Protein backbone atom coordinates (compact mmCIF):
# COMPACT_ATOMS: atom_id res chain seq x y z
CA MET A 1 -23.84 -1.49 -55.02
CA SER A 2 -24.07 -1.51 -51.25
CA LEU A 3 -25.21 1.74 -49.68
CA ALA A 4 -22.43 1.29 -47.11
CA PHE A 5 -19.93 2.57 -49.66
CA LEU A 6 -21.74 5.86 -50.30
CA PRO A 7 -20.39 7.85 -47.31
CA ARG A 8 -16.81 6.90 -48.25
CA THR A 9 -17.41 7.87 -51.89
CA ILE A 10 -18.88 11.22 -50.88
CA LEU A 11 -15.94 11.84 -48.55
CA LEU A 12 -13.39 11.11 -51.28
CA VAL A 13 -15.14 13.43 -53.74
CA SER A 14 -15.27 16.16 -51.09
CA LEU A 15 -11.54 15.83 -50.39
CA LEU A 16 -10.73 16.05 -54.09
CA PHE A 17 -12.72 19.27 -54.44
CA ALA A 18 -11.19 20.72 -51.27
CA SER A 19 -7.68 20.22 -52.64
CA SER A 20 -8.43 21.54 -56.13
CA ALA A 21 -6.30 24.23 -57.77
CA PRO A 22 -8.85 27.08 -57.38
CA ALA A 23 -8.95 26.54 -53.63
CA ARG A 24 -5.19 26.59 -53.39
CA ALA A 25 -5.04 29.74 -55.51
CA GLY A 26 -7.11 31.57 -52.94
CA GLU A 27 -4.60 30.79 -50.20
CA SER A 28 -1.04 30.49 -51.52
CA GLY A 29 -1.28 29.67 -55.22
CA TRP A 30 -0.64 33.34 -56.01
CA ILE A 31 3.05 32.94 -55.19
CA ASP A 32 3.86 31.08 -58.41
CA SER A 33 2.08 33.66 -60.54
CA TYR A 34 3.87 36.43 -58.64
CA GLY A 35 7.22 34.76 -59.28
CA ARG A 36 6.48 34.53 -62.99
CA LEU A 37 5.59 38.23 -63.16
CA LEU A 38 8.73 39.25 -61.28
CA GLY A 39 10.88 37.16 -63.58
CA LYS A 40 9.25 38.69 -66.66
CA TYR A 41 9.21 42.38 -65.74
CA VAL A 42 11.81 43.04 -63.01
CA THR A 43 15.41 43.77 -63.95
CA SER A 44 18.47 45.00 -62.08
CA SER A 45 17.81 48.50 -63.44
CA GLY A 46 14.09 48.69 -62.66
CA VAL A 47 10.63 47.47 -63.63
CA LYS A 48 9.28 47.29 -67.17
CA TYR A 49 6.05 49.09 -66.32
CA ALA A 50 5.16 50.04 -69.90
CA ASP A 51 5.40 46.44 -71.11
CA TRP A 52 3.46 45.21 -68.10
CA LYS A 53 0.68 47.78 -68.49
CA ALA A 54 0.37 46.84 -72.17
CA ASP A 55 -0.26 43.18 -71.34
CA ALA A 56 -3.87 42.89 -70.19
CA ALA A 57 -3.41 39.29 -69.05
CA ASP A 58 -0.52 40.22 -66.79
CA VAL A 59 -2.34 43.27 -65.43
CA GLN A 60 -5.09 40.84 -64.43
CA ALA A 61 -2.46 38.45 -63.09
CA ILE A 62 -1.09 40.98 -60.57
CA GLN A 63 -4.70 41.70 -59.57
CA ASP A 64 -5.15 37.98 -58.91
CA VAL A 65 -1.92 37.99 -56.87
CA VAL A 66 -3.05 40.77 -54.54
CA ASP A 67 -6.51 39.20 -54.30
CA GLY A 68 -4.79 36.05 -53.05
CA ILE A 69 -2.76 38.10 -50.58
CA ALA A 70 -5.95 39.76 -49.35
CA ARG A 71 -7.58 36.38 -48.66
CA ALA A 72 -4.52 34.66 -47.20
CA LYS A 73 -4.40 33.33 -43.64
CA VAL A 74 -1.08 33.67 -41.85
CA SER A 75 -1.72 32.87 -38.20
CA SER A 76 -0.63 29.25 -38.58
CA LEU A 77 2.60 30.08 -40.41
CA GLY A 78 6.03 30.06 -38.78
CA LYS A 79 7.92 33.30 -38.19
CA ASN A 80 10.01 33.18 -41.37
CA GLU A 81 6.99 32.21 -43.46
CA GLN A 82 5.03 35.12 -42.02
CA LEU A 83 7.80 37.61 -42.71
CA ALA A 84 8.22 36.29 -46.25
CA PHE A 85 4.48 36.68 -46.77
CA TYR A 86 4.40 40.27 -45.52
CA LEU A 87 7.43 41.28 -47.61
CA ASN A 88 5.83 39.77 -50.71
CA ALA A 89 2.55 41.44 -49.82
CA TYR A 90 4.15 44.88 -49.58
CA ASN A 91 6.07 44.57 -52.84
CA ALA A 92 3.23 42.96 -54.81
CA TRP A 93 0.75 45.63 -53.72
CA ILE A 94 3.27 48.36 -54.58
CA LEU A 95 3.58 46.92 -58.09
CA HIS A 96 -0.19 46.65 -58.42
CA GLU A 97 -0.72 50.26 -57.39
CA ALA A 98 2.18 51.57 -59.48
CA ILE A 99 0.82 49.83 -62.57
CA GLY A 100 -2.59 51.29 -61.79
CA LYS A 101 -1.10 54.80 -61.74
CA TYR A 102 1.14 54.26 -64.78
CA PRO A 103 2.17 56.28 -66.72
CA THR A 104 3.47 58.37 -63.85
CA LYS A 105 6.78 59.95 -62.90
CA SER A 106 6.45 58.95 -59.25
CA VAL A 107 4.04 57.07 -57.00
CA LYS A 108 4.68 59.62 -54.26
CA ASP A 109 2.18 62.43 -53.94
CA LEU A 110 2.35 65.71 -52.05
CA PHE A 111 1.28 64.36 -48.66
CA PHE A 112 2.49 60.77 -49.08
CA LEU A 113 -1.13 59.61 -49.32
CA PHE A 114 0.00 56.78 -51.57
CA PHE A 115 1.72 55.28 -48.54
CA THR A 116 -0.56 56.46 -45.73
CA SER A 117 -4.08 55.78 -47.06
CA ASP A 118 -5.78 52.41 -46.43
CA ARG A 119 -5.53 51.32 -50.05
CA ILE A 120 -4.40 47.68 -49.65
CA LYS A 121 -5.80 44.50 -48.08
CA VAL A 122 -3.49 41.94 -46.49
CA ALA A 123 -4.63 38.71 -44.84
CA GLY A 124 -8.16 40.01 -44.44
CA ARG A 125 -7.22 43.45 -43.07
CA GLN A 126 -7.53 46.79 -44.82
CA MET A 127 -4.43 48.89 -44.21
CA SER A 128 -1.86 51.30 -45.61
CA PHE A 129 1.67 50.60 -46.79
CA ASN A 130 2.89 52.55 -43.77
CA HIS A 131 0.92 50.35 -41.41
CA LEU A 132 2.23 47.17 -43.02
CA GLU A 133 5.82 48.36 -42.77
CA LYS A 134 5.87 50.34 -39.52
CA ASP A 135 3.29 48.49 -37.43
CA ILE A 136 3.76 44.90 -38.62
CA ILE A 137 7.00 44.16 -40.45
CA ARG A 138 9.47 46.27 -38.49
CA PRO A 139 8.23 45.90 -34.89
CA LYS A 140 7.08 42.29 -35.12
CA PHE A 141 10.18 40.84 -36.78
CA GLN A 142 12.87 43.37 -35.76
CA ASP A 143 15.26 42.56 -38.60
CA PRO A 144 16.93 45.64 -40.13
CA ARG A 145 17.57 43.70 -43.33
CA VAL A 146 13.90 44.15 -44.27
CA HIS A 147 14.79 47.67 -45.38
CA PHE A 148 16.64 46.15 -48.35
CA ALA A 149 13.80 43.78 -49.19
CA LEU A 150 10.98 46.34 -49.33
CA ASN A 151 10.65 48.29 -52.56
CA CYS A 152 8.66 51.53 -52.79
CA ALA A 153 8.70 51.82 -56.62
CA SER A 154 11.27 54.63 -56.45
CA ARG A 155 14.79 55.07 -57.78
CA SER A 156 16.49 55.30 -54.40
CA CYS A 157 14.79 52.17 -53.06
CA PRO A 158 16.92 49.04 -52.87
CA PRO A 159 16.33 47.10 -56.10
CA LEU A 160 13.28 44.85 -56.21
CA ASP A 161 14.26 41.20 -55.91
CA PRO A 162 13.18 39.32 -59.06
CA GLU A 163 12.15 36.33 -56.94
CA PRO A 164 9.46 36.01 -54.28
CA PHE A 165 10.56 35.64 -50.68
CA ARG A 166 10.14 32.15 -49.27
CA GLY A 167 10.32 31.18 -45.63
CA GLU A 168 12.73 28.28 -46.07
CA LYS A 169 15.42 30.48 -47.63
CA LEU A 170 14.46 33.89 -46.28
CA ASP A 171 17.58 34.43 -44.19
CA ALA A 172 19.85 33.86 -47.19
CA GLN A 173 17.67 36.13 -49.37
CA LEU A 174 17.75 38.98 -46.84
CA GLU A 175 21.48 38.66 -46.32
CA GLN A 176 22.14 38.69 -50.05
CA LEU A 177 20.05 41.84 -50.55
CA ALA A 178 21.62 43.68 -47.60
CA THR A 179 25.13 42.77 -48.73
CA ALA A 180 24.49 43.85 -52.31
CA PHE A 181 23.03 47.18 -51.20
CA VAL A 182 25.87 48.22 -48.86
CA ASN A 183 28.38 47.33 -51.58
CA SER A 184 26.62 49.53 -54.15
CA PRO A 185 26.88 53.32 -54.60
CA LYS A 186 23.13 53.52 -54.06
CA GLY A 187 23.63 52.19 -50.55
CA VAL A 188 27.13 53.45 -49.68
CA ASP A 189 28.90 55.89 -52.00
CA TYR A 190 32.43 55.88 -50.59
CA GLN A 191 35.05 58.36 -51.81
CA PRO A 192 38.48 57.15 -50.60
CA ALA A 193 40.31 60.34 -51.57
CA LYS A 194 37.95 62.41 -49.44
CA LYS A 195 37.49 59.75 -46.76
CA SER A 196 33.77 60.37 -47.01
CA ALA A 197 30.76 58.15 -47.54
CA ALA A 198 27.29 59.24 -48.61
CA LEU A 199 24.88 56.66 -47.26
CA SER A 200 21.36 55.95 -48.42
CA ALA A 201 18.82 58.04 -46.53
CA ILE A 202 17.40 54.72 -45.30
CA PHE A 203 20.29 54.52 -42.83
CA ASN A 204 19.37 57.94 -41.46
CA TRP A 205 15.59 57.53 -41.35
CA TYR A 206 15.73 54.13 -39.67
CA LYS A 207 18.99 54.32 -37.74
CA ASP A 208 17.34 53.05 -34.56
CA ASP A 209 16.50 49.77 -36.32
CA PHE A 210 20.23 49.10 -36.72
CA GLN A 211 21.12 49.60 -33.05
CA PRO A 212 20.72 45.90 -32.13
CA ALA A 213 23.31 45.17 -34.86
CA GLY A 214 25.77 47.61 -33.27
CA GLY A 215 24.65 50.65 -35.22
CA VAL A 216 24.61 51.62 -38.88
CA LEU A 217 28.38 51.46 -39.48
CA ALA A 218 28.74 48.09 -37.76
CA PHE A 219 25.91 46.71 -39.87
CA ILE A 220 27.49 48.09 -43.05
CA ASN A 221 31.07 47.03 -42.32
CA LYS A 222 30.05 43.48 -41.47
CA ARG A 223 28.88 43.16 -45.09
CA ARG A 224 31.12 45.43 -47.14
CA SER A 225 33.98 43.89 -49.10
CA GLU A 226 36.05 46.93 -48.02
CA PRO A 227 34.85 48.19 -44.61
CA LEU A 228 34.61 51.93 -44.09
CA PRO A 229 37.53 53.35 -42.06
CA ASN A 230 36.69 54.61 -38.59
CA ASP A 231 37.48 58.20 -39.56
CA THR A 232 35.11 58.25 -42.54
CA GLU A 233 32.97 61.37 -42.77
CA ILE A 234 29.34 60.28 -43.07
CA THR A 235 26.69 62.15 -45.06
CA TYR A 236 23.35 61.03 -46.49
CA GLN A 237 22.14 60.99 -50.06
CA LYS A 238 19.05 62.82 -51.24
CA TYR A 239 16.25 60.33 -51.83
CA ASP A 240 15.06 60.04 -55.44
CA TRP A 241 11.32 59.33 -55.49
CA SER A 242 11.06 59.08 -59.29
CA LEU A 243 9.56 55.84 -60.60
CA ASN A 244 11.94 52.87 -60.74
CA GLU A 245 11.15 52.28 -64.38
CA THR A 246 13.26 50.69 -67.07
CA LYS A 247 12.38 50.20 -70.74
């Protein structure tokens, strides 16, 4: 065989290895595994933590997911793809850490160290959940609907979506989650006889995030099947930090 063909052969072999499954898994291949885990353990009433913790293969699988998130590169992604990545990163790491602490009644500790300590790695950077939410997701993307996509493993959190977020359909996913939340008692508990509505504490804690949408009530009424009357008395619900577990 002519030696002239050797460089081309070497190049083809190199390209095949570069596009192999293990290489992809280190970048974005984790998303499919994450989707499988969500579909298996996440329900409308909570997460099946006991079943998940009992399955050693799936405990390793969520470890592999967050390892992929830690190694991921996001600078070349579009805006929606970046936001989808960060939302998935937050929720996947929350699940990983909650499973690590399980059995537990709540992931929250006395000084919120669960959320404030640099316990997670995202796209090569060590950080806290607070940093990911308050210094990246909220200021960079300025979309109040993210509050209904992030799940903090607690009862009063908006329900965890059983599908990963994906850039190409992110807007529809965020709108669906926001609409579902403001039409649920967990988000807006409206009492017509009393003309009062107890809103999720999220709307109080992050009210400034809703100002570009016209304020909290404008945001809510745009999505509620029955908008709140103008004279509705507004209060806020107590936040339940107990684990969002279901059996």
